[in-house]
């Protein structure tokens, strides 16, 4: 009598990236620990409680977590409709910062008494806007000049407004995000960084064939 092999039990699959979630949670816990450690003395002297600033940050963390869950459940294609609005709002907010001139610690980076930092909105807006822009112009990426010039204008406007605050770390972040997205969209086909092929891959006449490493 033959035995019917038992069905292999497959591990249940979750609908999200668990390692990425663990990294995010670790960064949040580390960040909250640093907030309490750095603000306890100041919070006690100004507000009379060493945990006042920490608790305020904790409330914002709760609100941010709800927004994160909501966005994770939303179809990301939906954001395509708001790409231009987000980019326009980010640029308007960055210009408002420079006009209102709410100076804090030698720089003008925030609105509403330090509660809102438009450069953070700009980071989110640039990701959404460039995703749509690069997707709509993916055929244009084969041409170096057609691709780089408009992208440089977009990145230059946003990065320039942030640099005037000044906020160098945000400028670097914006630049890295734009460059990374440009390469992920297919910029590697442009052959920006060439390298020489193996000796046996030669063109007629003995010259070597350049290829790309990206």
N, C-alpha and C. Protein backbone atom coordinates (compact mmCIF):
# COMPACT_ATOMS: atom_id res chain seq x y z
N UNK A 1 0.85 -1.20 0.00
CA UNK A 1 0.00 0.00 0.00
C UNK A 1 0.88 1.24 0.00
N UNK A 2 0.66 2.13 -0.96
CA UNK A 2 1.50 3.31 -1.08
C UNK A 2 1.01 4.41 -0.14
N UNK A 3 1.96 5.09 0.42
CA UNK A 3 1.64 6.21 1.30
C UNK A 3 1.57 7.51 0.49
N UNK A 4 0.55 8.25 0.79
CA UNK A 4 0.41 9.54 0.14
C UNK A 4 1.28 10.55 0.87
N UNK A 5 2.24 11.14 0.17
CA UNK A 5 3.12 12.09 0.86
C UNK A 5 2.35 13.26 1.42
N UNK A 6 2.73 13.63 2.62
CA UNK A 6 2.05 14.76 3.27
C UNK A 6 2.37 16.05 2.53
N UNK A 7 1.42 16.93 2.47
CA UNK A 7 1.61 18.20 1.81
C UNK A 7 2.58 19.07 2.59
N UNK A 8 3.50 19.65 1.86
CA UNK A 8 4.47 20.53 2.53
C UNK A 8 3.77 21.80 3.00
N UNK A 9 4.08 22.16 4.21
CA UNK A 9 3.47 23.37 4.78
C UNK A 9 4.31 24.57 4.37
N UNK A 10 3.72 25.43 3.56
CA UNK A 10 4.42 26.63 3.14
C UNK A 10 4.23 27.73 4.17
N UNK A 11 5.29 28.47 4.43
CA UNK A 11 5.14 29.57 5.39
C UNK A 11 4.18 30.63 4.86
N UNK A 12 3.41 31.17 5.77
CA UNK A 12 2.45 32.20 5.36
C UNK A 12 3.18 33.44 4.87
N UNK A 13 2.71 33.99 3.78
CA UNK A 13 3.32 35.18 3.22
C UNK A 13 2.55 36.42 3.65
N UNK A 14 3.30 37.39 4.11
CA UNK A 14 2.67 38.64 4.51
C UNK A 14 2.63 39.58 3.31
N UNK A 15 1.76 40.54 3.41
CA UNK A 15 1.58 41.46 2.29
C UNK A 15 2.52 42.65 2.31
N UNK A 16 3.63 42.58 3.04
CA UNK A 16 4.56 43.69 3.09
C UNK A 16 5.97 43.16 3.30
N UNK A 17 6.93 44.04 3.12
CA UNK A 17 8.35 43.70 3.23
C UNK A 17 8.74 43.72 4.71
N UNK A 18 8.84 42.54 5.32
CA UNK A 18 9.13 42.45 6.76
C UNK A 18 10.51 43.00 7.10
N UNK A 19 11.58 42.64 6.38
CA UNK A 19 12.90 43.21 6.72
C UNK A 19 12.92 44.73 6.65
N UNK A 20 12.26 45.30 5.63
CA UNK A 20 12.21 46.76 5.52
C UNK A 20 11.46 47.36 6.70
N UNK A 21 10.36 46.71 7.10
CA UNK A 21 9.59 47.20 8.25
C UNK A 21 10.42 47.15 9.52
N UNK A 22 11.22 46.10 9.69
CA UNK A 22 12.07 45.98 10.87
C UNK A 22 13.13 47.08 10.90
N UNK A 23 13.66 47.41 9.73
CA UNK A 23 14.64 48.50 9.66
C UNK A 23 13.99 49.83 10.06
N UNK A 24 12.78 50.07 9.54
CA UNK A 24 12.06 51.31 9.87
C UNK A 24 11.78 51.39 11.36
N UNK A 25 11.31 50.30 11.96
CA UNK A 25 11.01 50.29 13.40
C UNK A 25 12.28 50.52 14.21
N UNK A 26 13.39 49.91 13.79
CA UNK A 26 14.66 50.10 14.50
C UNK A 26 15.10 51.55 14.45
N UNK A 27 14.98 52.17 13.27
CA UNK A 27 15.35 53.58 13.14
C UNK A 27 14.45 54.48 13.99
N UNK A 28 13.17 54.15 14.05
CA UNK A 28 12.23 54.94 14.86
C UNK A 28 12.60 54.84 16.34
N UNK A 29 12.85 53.63 16.81
CA UNK A 29 13.19 53.45 18.23
C UNK A 29 14.49 54.17 18.57
N UNK A 30 15.48 54.05 17.69
CA UNK A 30 16.76 54.73 17.92
C UNK A 30 16.57 56.25 17.91
N UNK A 31 15.76 56.73 16.96
CA UNK A 31 15.51 58.16 16.88
C UNK A 31 14.79 58.70 18.10
N UNK A 32 13.79 57.97 18.60
CA UNK A 32 13.06 58.42 19.79
C UNK A 32 13.97 58.42 21.02
N UNK A 33 14.86 57.45 21.09
CA UNK A 33 15.82 57.41 22.20
C UNK A 33 16.73 58.64 22.15
N UNK A 34 17.18 59.00 20.95
CA UNK A 34 18.05 60.17 20.79
C UNK A 34 17.29 61.46 21.12
N UNK A 35 16.00 61.53 20.74
CA UNK A 35 15.20 62.71 21.05
C UNK A 35 15.09 62.92 22.55
N UNK A 36 14.80 61.85 23.27
CA UNK A 36 14.68 61.98 24.72
C UNK A 36 16.02 62.32 25.37
N UNK A 37 17.08 61.66 24.90
CA UNK A 37 18.40 61.90 25.48
C UNK A 37 18.86 63.34 25.25
N UNK A 38 18.58 63.87 24.06
CA UNK A 38 19.06 65.22 23.72
C UNK A 38 18.16 66.33 24.26
N UNK A 39 16.89 66.05 24.54
CA UNK A 39 15.95 67.11 24.91
C UNK A 39 15.52 67.09 26.37
N UNK A 40 15.91 66.09 27.13
CA UNK A 40 15.41 65.96 28.51
C UNK A 40 15.76 67.18 29.36
N UNK A 41 17.02 67.62 29.32
CA UNK A 41 17.44 68.75 30.14
C UNK A 41 16.77 70.05 29.69
N UNK A 42 16.77 70.30 28.38
CA UNK A 42 16.13 71.50 27.85
C UNK A 42 14.63 71.49 28.13
N UNK A 43 14.01 70.34 27.96
CA UNK A 43 12.57 70.23 28.20
C UNK A 43 12.23 70.51 29.66
N UNK A 44 13.08 70.07 30.57
CA UNK A 44 12.82 70.30 32.01
C UNK A 44 12.98 71.78 32.35
N UNK A 45 14.00 72.42 31.78
CA UNK A 45 14.24 73.83 32.10
C UNK A 45 13.17 74.74 31.51
N UNK A 46 12.69 74.44 30.31
CA UNK A 46 11.75 75.32 29.63
C UNK A 46 10.30 74.98 29.96
N UNK A 47 9.97 73.67 29.96
CA UNK A 47 8.58 73.24 30.12
C UNK A 47 8.29 72.62 31.49
N UNK A 48 9.31 72.40 32.30
CA UNK A 48 9.09 71.85 33.62
C UNK A 48 8.94 70.35 33.68
N UNK A 49 9.12 69.68 32.56
CA UNK A 49 9.02 68.22 32.52
C UNK A 49 10.09 67.69 31.56
N UNK A 50 10.89 66.73 31.99
CA UNK A 50 11.94 66.20 31.11
C UNK A 50 11.42 65.44 29.90
N UNK A 51 10.14 65.05 29.93
CA UNK A 51 9.59 64.24 28.84
C UNK A 51 8.61 65.01 27.96
N UNK A 52 8.51 66.34 28.14
CA UNK A 52 7.51 67.11 27.38
C UNK A 52 7.77 67.01 25.88
N UNK A 53 8.99 67.29 25.45
CA UNK A 53 9.32 67.25 24.02
C UNK A 53 9.23 65.81 23.51
N UNK A 54 9.65 64.86 24.32
CA UNK A 54 9.57 63.45 23.91
C UNK A 54 8.13 63.03 23.68
N UNK A 55 7.22 63.43 24.58
CA UNK A 55 5.82 63.06 24.43
C UNK A 55 5.19 63.75 23.21
N UNK A 56 5.60 64.98 22.96
CA UNK A 56 5.10 65.66 21.77
C UNK A 56 5.55 64.94 20.50
N UNK A 57 6.81 64.51 20.50
CA UNK A 57 7.32 63.75 19.37
C UNK A 57 6.61 62.41 19.25
N UNK A 58 6.26 61.82 20.37
CA UNK A 58 5.56 60.54 20.37
C UNK A 58 4.17 60.67 19.76
N UNK A 59 3.51 61.78 20.03
CA UNK A 59 2.19 62.02 19.43
C UNK A 59 2.30 62.16 17.92
N UNK A 60 3.31 62.87 17.46
CA UNK A 60 3.51 62.99 16.02
C UNK A 60 3.89 61.64 15.41
N UNK A 61 4.60 60.83 16.17
CA UNK A 61 4.93 59.48 15.68
C UNK A 61 3.67 58.65 15.49
N UNK A 62 2.74 58.76 16.43
CA UNK A 62 1.48 58.03 16.30
C UNK A 62 0.70 58.47 15.07
N UNK A 63 0.65 59.79 14.83
CA UNK A 63 -0.04 60.31 13.66
C UNK A 63 0.67 59.85 12.38
N UNK A 64 1.99 59.91 12.39
CA UNK A 64 2.75 59.47 11.22
C UNK A 64 2.57 57.99 10.93
N UNK A 65 2.44 57.19 11.99
CA UNK A 65 2.25 55.74 11.81
C UNK A 65 0.91 55.45 11.15
N UNK A 66 -0.13 56.21 11.55
CA UNK A 66 -1.44 56.03 10.93
C UNK A 66 -1.39 56.42 9.44
N UNK A 67 -0.69 57.50 9.14
CA UNK A 67 -0.54 57.92 7.74
C UNK A 67 0.23 56.87 6.96
N UNK A 68 1.27 56.29 7.57
CA UNK A 68 2.06 55.26 6.90
C UNK A 68 1.21 54.04 6.56
N UNK A 69 0.39 53.60 7.51
CA UNK A 69 -0.48 52.45 7.26
C UNK A 69 -1.48 52.75 6.15
N UNK A 70 -2.03 53.96 6.18
CA UNK A 70 -2.99 54.36 5.15
C UNK A 70 -2.35 54.36 3.76
N UNK A 71 -1.14 54.92 3.67
CA UNK A 71 -0.46 54.99 2.38
C UNK A 71 -0.01 53.61 1.91
N UNK A 72 0.35 52.73 2.85
CA UNK A 72 0.78 51.38 2.48
C UNK A 72 -0.36 50.59 1.86
N UNK A 73 -1.58 50.87 2.30
CA UNK A 73 -2.74 50.16 1.78
C UNK A 73 -3.28 50.77 0.49
N UNK A 74 -2.80 51.95 0.16
CA UNK A 74 -3.28 52.65 -1.03
C UNK A 74 -2.50 52.22 -2.27
N UNK A 75 -3.15 52.15 -3.39
CA UNK A 75 -2.50 51.88 -4.66
C UNK A 75 -1.62 53.07 -5.03
N UNK A 76 -0.31 52.83 -5.16
CA UNK A 76 0.61 53.95 -5.38
C UNK A 76 0.38 54.64 -6.73
N UNK A 77 -0.27 53.98 -7.68
CA UNK A 77 -0.55 54.63 -8.95
C UNK A 77 -1.49 55.84 -8.77
N UNK A 78 -2.21 55.85 -7.66
CA UNK A 78 -3.14 56.94 -7.38
C UNK A 78 -2.42 58.28 -7.26
N UNK A 79 -1.15 58.24 -6.79
CA UNK A 79 -0.39 59.47 -6.57
C UNK A 79 -0.01 60.16 -7.86
N UNK A 80 -0.13 59.46 -8.97
CA UNK A 80 0.21 60.06 -10.26
C UNK A 80 -0.63 61.30 -10.53
N UNK A 81 -1.87 61.30 -10.05
CA UNK A 81 -2.76 62.43 -10.27
C UNK A 81 -2.31 63.68 -9.52
N UNK A 82 -1.55 63.48 -8.44
CA UNK A 82 -1.19 64.61 -7.57
C UNK A 82 0.27 65.01 -7.69
N UNK A 83 0.97 64.45 -8.67
CA UNK A 83 2.40 64.73 -8.80
C UNK A 83 2.68 66.22 -8.99
N UNK A 84 1.98 66.83 -9.93
CA UNK A 84 2.20 68.25 -10.22
C UNK A 84 1.77 69.12 -9.05
N UNK A 85 0.66 68.74 -8.39
CA UNK A 85 0.18 69.52 -7.24
C UNK A 85 1.18 69.46 -6.09
N UNK A 86 1.70 68.28 -5.82
CA UNK A 86 2.68 68.13 -4.74
C UNK A 86 3.94 68.93 -5.02
N UNK A 87 4.40 68.88 -6.27
CA UNK A 87 5.61 69.61 -6.62
C UNK A 87 5.38 71.11 -6.52
N UNK A 88 4.22 71.57 -6.99
CA UNK A 88 3.90 72.99 -6.88
C UNK A 88 3.78 73.44 -5.44
N UNK A 89 3.14 72.62 -4.60
CA UNK A 89 2.99 72.96 -3.18
C UNK A 89 4.35 73.01 -2.48
N UNK A 90 5.24 72.08 -2.84
CA UNK A 90 6.57 72.07 -2.23
C UNK A 90 7.36 73.32 -2.60
N UNK A 91 7.32 73.71 -3.87
CA UNK A 91 8.05 74.91 -4.31
C UNK A 91 7.44 76.16 -3.67
N UNK A 92 6.11 76.22 -3.60
CA UNK A 92 5.45 77.37 -2.96
C UNK A 92 5.84 77.47 -1.48
N UNK A 93 5.86 76.33 -0.78
CA UNK A 93 6.23 76.32 0.64
C UNK A 93 7.69 76.73 0.84
N UNK A 94 8.57 76.28 -0.05
CA UNK A 94 9.99 76.65 0.05
C UNK A 94 10.17 78.15 -0.18
N UNK A 95 9.40 78.72 -1.10
CA UNK A 95 9.47 80.17 -1.33
C UNK A 95 8.89 80.93 -0.14
N UNK A 96 7.83 80.39 0.47
CA UNK A 96 7.23 81.04 1.64
C UNK A 96 8.21 81.10 2.80
N UNK A 97 9.01 80.06 2.95
CA UNK A 97 10.02 80.05 4.02
C UNK A 97 10.98 81.22 3.85
N UNK A 98 11.44 81.45 2.63
CA UNK A 98 12.39 82.53 2.38
C UNK A 98 11.75 83.90 2.52
N UNK A 99 10.44 84.01 2.26
CA UNK A 99 9.76 85.29 2.36
C UNK A 99 9.43 85.63 3.82
N UNK A 100 8.93 84.64 4.56
CA UNK A 100 8.52 84.88 5.96
C UNK A 100 9.73 85.09 6.86
N UNK A 101 10.84 84.39 6.56
CA UNK A 101 12.09 84.56 7.30
C UNK A 101 11.93 84.28 8.80
N UNK A 102 11.38 83.13 9.14
CA UNK A 102 11.29 82.70 10.54
C UNK A 102 12.64 82.08 10.94
N UNK A 103 13.56 82.92 11.39
CA UNK A 103 14.93 82.49 11.66
C UNK A 103 15.00 81.72 12.97
N UNK A 104 15.59 80.53 12.88
CA UNK A 104 15.81 79.69 14.07
C UNK A 104 17.18 79.05 13.96
N UNK A 105 18.01 79.33 14.98
CA UNK A 105 19.36 78.78 15.04
C UNK A 105 20.17 79.14 13.79
N UNK A 106 19.99 80.37 13.33
CA UNK A 106 20.80 80.88 12.24
C UNK A 106 20.34 80.50 10.85
N UNK A 107 19.18 79.88 10.69
CA UNK A 107 18.69 79.50 9.37
C UNK A 107 17.18 79.66 9.32
N UNK A 108 16.65 79.72 8.11
CA UNK A 108 15.20 79.83 7.91
C UNK A 108 14.72 78.58 7.17
N UNK A 109 14.28 77.61 7.92
CA UNK A 109 13.92 76.32 7.34
C UNK A 109 12.47 75.92 7.60
N UNK A 110 11.75 76.64 8.44
CA UNK A 110 10.45 76.14 8.89
C UNK A 110 9.37 77.22 8.82
N UNK A 111 8.13 76.76 8.97
CA UNK A 111 6.95 77.62 9.04
C UNK A 111 6.18 77.29 10.31
N UNK A 112 5.30 78.21 10.70
CA UNK A 112 4.43 78.01 11.86
C UNK A 112 5.24 77.69 13.13
N UNK A 113 6.22 78.58 13.40
CA UNK A 113 7.04 78.49 14.61
C UNK A 113 7.82 77.18 14.71
N UNK A 114 8.30 76.74 13.59
CA UNK A 114 9.14 75.54 13.58
C UNK A 114 8.38 74.23 13.47
N UNK A 115 7.06 74.28 13.32
CA UNK A 115 6.27 73.05 13.30
C UNK A 115 6.31 72.35 11.94
N UNK A 116 6.51 73.11 10.86
CA UNK A 116 6.48 72.54 9.51
C UNK A 116 7.79 72.88 8.80
N UNK A 117 8.44 71.87 8.24
CA UNK A 117 9.68 72.07 7.50
C UNK A 117 9.43 71.69 6.04
N UNK A 118 9.25 72.67 5.16
CA UNK A 118 8.89 72.39 3.76
C UNK A 118 9.91 71.53 3.00
N UNK A 119 11.16 71.51 3.43
CA UNK A 119 12.14 70.67 2.72
C UNK A 119 11.78 69.19 2.81
N UNK A 120 11.08 68.80 3.88
CA UNK A 120 10.63 67.41 3.99
C UNK A 120 9.53 67.12 2.98
N UNK A 121 8.63 68.09 2.80
CA UNK A 121 7.60 67.95 1.75
C UNK A 121 8.25 67.89 0.38
N UNK A 122 9.32 68.65 0.20
CA UNK A 122 10.01 68.66 -1.10
C UNK A 122 10.62 67.29 -1.41
N UNK A 123 11.13 66.61 -0.41
CA UNK A 123 11.70 65.27 -0.63
C UNK A 123 10.62 64.31 -1.12
N UNK A 124 9.46 64.36 -0.48
CA UNK A 124 8.35 63.50 -0.89
C UNK A 124 7.84 63.90 -2.27
N UNK A 125 7.72 65.20 -2.49
CA UNK A 125 7.21 65.68 -3.77
C UNK A 125 8.14 65.36 -4.93
N UNK A 126 9.45 65.44 -4.70
CA UNK A 126 10.40 65.19 -5.79
C UNK A 126 10.39 63.72 -6.19
N UNK A 127 10.16 62.83 -5.22
CA UNK A 127 10.09 61.40 -5.53
C UNK A 127 8.86 61.10 -6.38
N UNK A 128 7.70 61.63 -5.99
CA UNK A 128 6.48 61.39 -6.75
C UNK A 128 6.56 62.04 -8.12
N UNK A 129 7.01 63.28 -8.17
CA UNK A 129 7.04 64.01 -9.44
C UNK A 129 8.04 63.37 -10.42
N UNK A 130 9.24 63.05 -9.94
CA UNK A 130 10.24 62.45 -10.83
C UNK A 130 9.82 61.06 -11.28
N UNK A 131 9.11 60.32 -10.44
CA UNK A 131 8.62 59.00 -10.85
C UNK A 131 7.70 59.13 -12.06
N UNK A 132 6.78 60.08 -11.99
CA UNK A 132 5.86 60.28 -13.10
C UNK A 132 6.59 60.86 -14.31
N UNK A 133 7.45 61.84 -14.06
CA UNK A 133 8.17 62.51 -15.16
C UNK A 133 9.08 61.54 -15.91
N UNK A 134 9.83 60.73 -15.18
CA UNK A 134 10.74 59.78 -15.82
C UNK A 134 9.98 58.66 -16.53
N UNK A 135 8.84 58.26 -15.97
CA UNK A 135 8.04 57.22 -16.62
C UNK A 135 7.44 57.72 -17.93
N UNK A 136 6.97 58.95 -17.94
CA UNK A 136 6.38 59.51 -19.15
C UNK A 136 7.41 59.81 -20.23
N UNK A 137 8.66 59.97 -19.82
CA UNK A 137 9.72 60.33 -20.78
C UNK A 137 10.82 59.28 -20.83
N UNK A 138 10.44 58.01 -20.62
CA UNK A 138 11.46 56.95 -20.59
C UNK A 138 12.14 56.77 -21.94
N UNK A 139 11.43 57.06 -23.05
CA UNK A 139 12.07 56.95 -24.36
C UNK A 139 13.10 58.06 -24.58
N UNK A 140 12.91 59.18 -23.90
CA UNK A 140 13.82 60.30 -24.04
C UNK A 140 15.14 60.07 -23.31
N UNK A 141 15.17 59.10 -22.39
CA UNK A 141 16.37 58.86 -21.59
C UNK A 141 17.54 58.37 -22.43
N UNK A 142 17.27 57.92 -23.64
CA UNK A 142 18.36 57.47 -24.50
C UNK A 142 19.22 58.63 -24.98
N UNK A 143 18.66 59.83 -24.96
CA UNK A 143 19.40 61.01 -25.39
C UNK A 143 19.91 61.75 -24.16
N UNK A 144 21.21 61.89 -24.06
CA UNK A 144 21.84 62.48 -22.88
C UNK A 144 21.33 63.89 -22.62
N UNK A 145 21.29 64.72 -23.66
CA UNK A 145 20.95 66.13 -23.47
C UNK A 145 19.46 66.31 -23.19
N UNK A 146 18.63 65.59 -23.92
CA UNK A 146 17.19 65.70 -23.70
C UNK A 146 16.80 65.25 -22.30
N UNK A 147 17.54 64.31 -21.74
CA UNK A 147 17.21 63.79 -20.41
C UNK A 147 17.79 64.65 -19.30
N UNK A 148 19.04 65.07 -19.44
CA UNK A 148 19.74 65.74 -18.35
C UNK A 148 19.31 67.19 -18.17
N UNK A 149 19.06 67.89 -19.26
CA UNK A 149 18.77 69.33 -19.15
C UNK A 149 17.48 69.60 -18.36
N UNK A 150 16.32 69.00 -18.75
CA UNK A 150 15.11 69.26 -17.94
C UNK A 150 15.20 68.73 -16.52
N UNK A 151 15.88 67.58 -16.35
CA UNK A 151 16.05 67.05 -15.00
C UNK A 151 16.89 67.99 -14.15
N UNK A 152 17.93 68.55 -14.73
CA UNK A 152 18.79 69.49 -14.00
C UNK A 152 18.01 70.75 -13.60
N UNK A 153 17.10 71.19 -14.47
CA UNK A 153 16.29 72.37 -14.14
C UNK A 153 15.38 72.07 -12.96
N UNK A 154 14.72 70.91 -12.99
CA UNK A 154 13.82 70.53 -11.89
C UNK A 154 14.58 70.43 -10.58
N UNK A 155 15.70 69.69 -10.60
CA UNK A 155 16.50 69.51 -9.39
C UNK A 155 17.13 70.82 -8.95
N UNK A 156 17.52 71.67 -9.93
CA UNK A 156 18.16 72.94 -9.59
C UNK A 156 17.22 73.90 -8.88
N UNK A 157 15.96 73.95 -9.32
CA UNK A 157 14.99 74.85 -8.69
C UNK A 157 14.74 74.43 -7.24
N UNK A 158 14.45 73.16 -7.04
CA UNK A 158 14.17 72.68 -5.68
C UNK A 158 15.41 72.77 -4.80
N UNK A 159 16.54 72.26 -5.31
CA UNK A 159 17.77 72.31 -4.52
C UNK A 159 18.24 73.72 -4.24
N UNK A 160 18.05 74.63 -5.21
CA UNK A 160 18.45 76.02 -5.00
C UNK A 160 17.65 76.70 -3.91
N UNK A 161 16.34 76.50 -3.90
CA UNK A 161 15.50 77.09 -2.85
C UNK A 161 15.88 76.56 -1.47
N UNK A 162 16.21 75.28 -1.40
CA UNK A 162 16.61 74.71 -0.10
C UNK A 162 17.99 75.22 0.31
N UNK A 163 18.89 75.39 -0.66
CA UNK A 163 20.23 75.87 -0.35
C UNK A 163 20.22 77.29 0.19
N UNK A 164 19.22 78.09 -0.20
CA UNK A 164 19.12 79.46 0.29
C UNK A 164 18.71 79.54 1.75
N UNK A 165 18.24 78.45 2.35
CA UNK A 165 17.74 78.51 3.73
C UNK A 165 18.85 78.76 4.75
N UNK A 166 19.98 78.18 4.84
CA UNK A 166 20.46 77.05 4.04
C UNK A 166 20.26 75.72 4.77
N UNK A 167 20.13 74.64 3.98
CA UNK A 167 19.99 73.29 4.54
C UNK A 167 20.75 72.33 3.62
N UNK A 168 22.05 72.23 3.86
CA UNK A 168 22.91 71.47 2.97
C UNK A 168 22.55 69.99 2.96
N UNK A 169 22.20 69.41 4.10
CA UNK A 169 21.88 67.99 4.16
C UNK A 169 20.66 67.67 3.30
N UNK A 170 19.65 68.56 3.30
CA UNK A 170 18.46 68.34 2.48
C UNK A 170 18.81 68.46 1.00
N UNK A 171 19.70 69.39 0.65
CA UNK A 171 20.12 69.53 -0.75
C UNK A 171 20.80 68.26 -1.23
N UNK A 172 21.70 67.72 -0.40
CA UNK A 172 22.40 66.49 -0.76
C UNK A 172 21.40 65.34 -0.92
N UNK A 173 20.43 65.26 0.00
CA UNK A 173 19.42 64.20 -0.07
C UNK A 173 18.60 64.30 -1.35
N UNK A 174 18.17 65.52 -1.69
CA UNK A 174 17.41 65.73 -2.93
C UNK A 174 18.24 65.32 -4.13
N UNK A 175 19.51 65.70 -4.15
CA UNK A 175 20.39 65.35 -5.26
C UNK A 175 20.58 63.85 -5.40
N UNK A 176 20.78 63.17 -4.28
CA UNK A 176 20.96 61.72 -4.31
C UNK A 176 19.70 61.01 -4.78
N UNK A 177 18.55 61.48 -4.31
CA UNK A 177 17.28 60.88 -4.71
C UNK A 177 17.07 61.02 -6.22
N UNK A 178 17.30 62.23 -6.73
CA UNK A 178 17.11 62.46 -8.16
C UNK A 178 18.07 61.65 -9.01
N UNK A 179 19.34 61.59 -8.60
CA UNK A 179 20.33 60.82 -9.36
C UNK A 179 20.01 59.34 -9.35
N UNK A 180 19.65 58.82 -8.18
CA UNK A 180 19.31 57.40 -8.07
C UNK A 180 18.11 57.05 -8.94
N UNK A 181 17.07 57.87 -8.89
CA UNK A 181 15.88 57.61 -9.69
C UNK A 181 16.18 57.71 -11.18
N UNK A 182 17.08 58.62 -11.55
CA UNK A 182 17.46 58.78 -12.95
C UNK A 182 18.12 57.51 -13.48
N UNK A 183 19.01 56.92 -12.68
CA UNK A 183 19.67 55.69 -13.10
C UNK A 183 18.70 54.51 -13.10
N UNK A 184 17.84 54.43 -12.11
CA UNK A 184 16.87 53.33 -12.06
C UNK A 184 15.87 53.39 -13.21
N UNK A 185 15.64 54.59 -13.73
CA UNK A 185 14.68 54.75 -14.83
C UNK A 185 15.25 54.31 -16.18
N UNK A 186 16.56 54.05 -16.24
CA UNK A 186 17.15 53.59 -17.50
C UNK A 186 18.31 54.41 -17.99
N UNK A 187 18.83 55.29 -17.14
CA UNK A 187 19.95 56.12 -17.55
C UNK A 187 21.18 55.30 -17.87
N UNK A 188 21.29 54.07 -17.39
CA UNK A 188 22.46 53.24 -17.63
C UNK A 188 22.69 52.99 -19.12
N UNK A 189 21.62 53.09 -19.92
CA UNK A 189 21.76 52.86 -21.36
C UNK A 189 22.52 53.98 -22.06
N UNK A 190 22.71 55.07 -21.38
CA UNK A 190 23.37 56.20 -22.01
C UNK A 190 24.87 55.97 -22.17
N UNK A 191 25.41 55.03 -21.41
CA UNK A 191 26.84 54.77 -21.51
C UNK A 191 27.67 55.88 -20.92
N UNK A 192 27.22 56.44 -19.77
CA UNK A 192 27.94 57.56 -19.17
C UNK A 192 29.32 57.13 -18.66
N UNK A 193 29.39 55.93 -18.07
CA UNK A 193 30.65 55.45 -17.51
C UNK A 193 31.11 54.26 -18.34
N UNK A 194 31.98 54.46 -19.33
CA UNK A 194 32.40 53.35 -20.17
C UNK A 194 33.55 52.57 -19.56
N UNK A 195 33.72 51.33 -19.98
CA UNK A 195 34.92 50.57 -19.65
C UNK A 195 35.28 49.75 -20.87
N UNK A 196 36.51 49.30 -20.95
CA UNK A 196 36.98 48.58 -22.12
C UNK A 196 36.69 47.11 -22.00
N UNK A 197 36.36 46.50 -23.13
CA UNK A 197 35.99 45.09 -23.16
C UNK A 197 37.22 44.21 -23.03
N UNK A 198 36.99 42.92 -23.00
CA UNK A 198 38.09 41.97 -22.91
C UNK A 198 38.92 42.03 -24.18
N UNK A 199 40.18 41.59 -24.12
CA UNK A 199 41.06 41.69 -25.29
C UNK A 199 40.52 40.96 -26.50
N UNK A 200 39.72 39.89 -26.29
CA UNK A 200 39.25 39.12 -27.44
C UNK A 200 38.04 39.77 -28.11
N UNK A 201 37.46 40.80 -27.47
CA UNK A 201 36.33 41.50 -28.07
C UNK A 201 36.85 42.80 -28.70
N UNK A 202 37.27 42.70 -29.93
CA UNK A 202 37.87 43.84 -30.60
C UNK A 202 37.15 44.13 -31.91
N UNK A 203 37.20 45.38 -32.26
CA UNK A 203 36.63 45.80 -33.53
C UNK A 203 37.66 45.58 -34.64
N UNK A 204 37.23 45.57 -35.89
CA UNK A 204 38.19 45.46 -36.99
C UNK A 204 39.23 46.57 -36.93
N UNK A 205 40.47 46.17 -37.05
CA UNK A 205 41.55 47.14 -36.95
C UNK A 205 42.28 47.07 -35.63
N UNK A 206 41.77 46.25 -34.69
CA UNK A 206 42.47 46.05 -33.43
C UNK A 206 41.99 46.91 -32.30
N UNK A 207 41.05 47.86 -32.54
CA UNK A 207 40.57 48.72 -31.46
C UNK A 207 39.58 47.96 -30.61
N UNK A 208 39.55 48.33 -29.31
CA UNK A 208 38.66 47.65 -28.38
C UNK A 208 37.28 48.28 -28.40
N UNK A 209 36.28 47.48 -28.01
CA UNK A 209 34.90 47.93 -28.05
C UNK A 209 34.52 48.49 -26.67
N UNK A 210 34.12 49.76 -26.56
CA UNK A 210 33.66 50.28 -25.26
C UNK A 210 32.27 49.80 -24.94
N UNK A 211 32.06 49.43 -23.70
CA UNK A 211 30.73 49.02 -23.23
C UNK A 211 30.45 49.78 -21.95
N UNK A 212 29.29 49.54 -21.39
CA UNK A 212 28.94 50.23 -20.17
C UNK A 212 28.98 49.28 -19.00
N UNK A 213 29.23 49.83 -17.82
CA UNK A 213 29.28 49.00 -16.61
C UNK A 213 28.02 49.15 -15.79
N UNK A 214 27.08 50.00 -16.24
CA UNK A 214 25.87 50.19 -15.48
C UNK A 214 24.71 49.50 -16.18
